[in-house]
Amino acid sequence: MAAINVGTAPDSWGVWFADNPRQTPWTRFLDEVVEAGYTRIELGPYGYLPTDKAQLKAELDQRGLTMTAGTTFEQLHRPDGWESTWQGVAPTAELAAAMGAKHLVVMPSMWRDADGSITEERLDHAGQAAHGKQVSELGRRVAEEFGVRLQYHPHADGHVDNQDTVERFLEETDPQHVGLCLDTGHISYCGGDNLELIRKYPDRIGYLHLKQVNPEVLAAIQGQEISFDQAIERGVMAEPPHGVPEFPPLLAELAGLDVELFAIVEQDMYPCPPDVPLPIAARTLAYLRSHGGGVSV
């Protein structure tokens, strides 16, 4: 059984934007990551951490931190989406690669706005096929130019979100250039089955975001036309082990794949009081170390 290498991300400190006064300052984030016991992080929104390579490397090195991936969004379902996507992808991939990261986590653009309004039609099968082809080309290009592997992250209210669209996406993309970042919280929020995805597509699982959903809050909001952002404000995400999916069987299934994986702990909470993230991050890591076979920090 290969190791599941656990890290964390700015998201767990309530960071969703490059610059926002309601967020944890980046120096405090890095210091508290170390205090919580982690040695690995994701880049987070480009511009939140320093974008100067030498400065960022020095900040990470002095704290004993390494970087696993950069994170960004894409708009490749749109006919004119390549240029705008590349403008976000290129600097993110370049900076993450310079820090030694081997992965680029890419998320879909949204069909529902933060206020709950529907802004785009869902993709039909032809649109999904065209989108998959574009994402495959993006994966080929970031590997060629930056040496990172594209790990695609389904996202609630995004064009790849529920079980059907995730499976369709995996069928429409090239396994050579596109892996799956399995975000356990987003899959559960959208009514999907994480274990089924692992068992059905074991060779596509290339990266993990570990989070849980509060089933009571999720049941209360089902059928309401609210956005994922609004659900976050209502407390739909849960601190492990108080939500779903259950982590022990999930981690056992992942460890059985016999491949080394990075697993980034996330708990979506924006905005949040500044003193909330650190104890949650520490407790979550302690829980994973006690209940996950093969978990490594």
Foldseek 3Di string as FASTA:
>chain_A
DAFAEEAAELLLQQDQELDDPLGDQPLVVLVLSVVLPGQEYEPHHPNRQDLPQVVNLVSSVVSNHAYAEYEEEFAQLDPPTPVVRCVRPVSRLQSNLSRVHAAYEYEYDAQADQALHGNDDADDLVSLLSSQVVVQVVLVVSCVPRVHAYAYEYAFRGSQAEPVSVVSSVVNHDLVRYAHAAEQARHVLRVHDLLVCCVVCVSRHAEYEYWFFQVVLSVVCPPPSHGPNVSLVVPGTDQPPRGDDHPLVVLVSNVVSVDYYYYYYHTRHHRDPSVPSSVSSSVSVVVCVVRHPNYDD
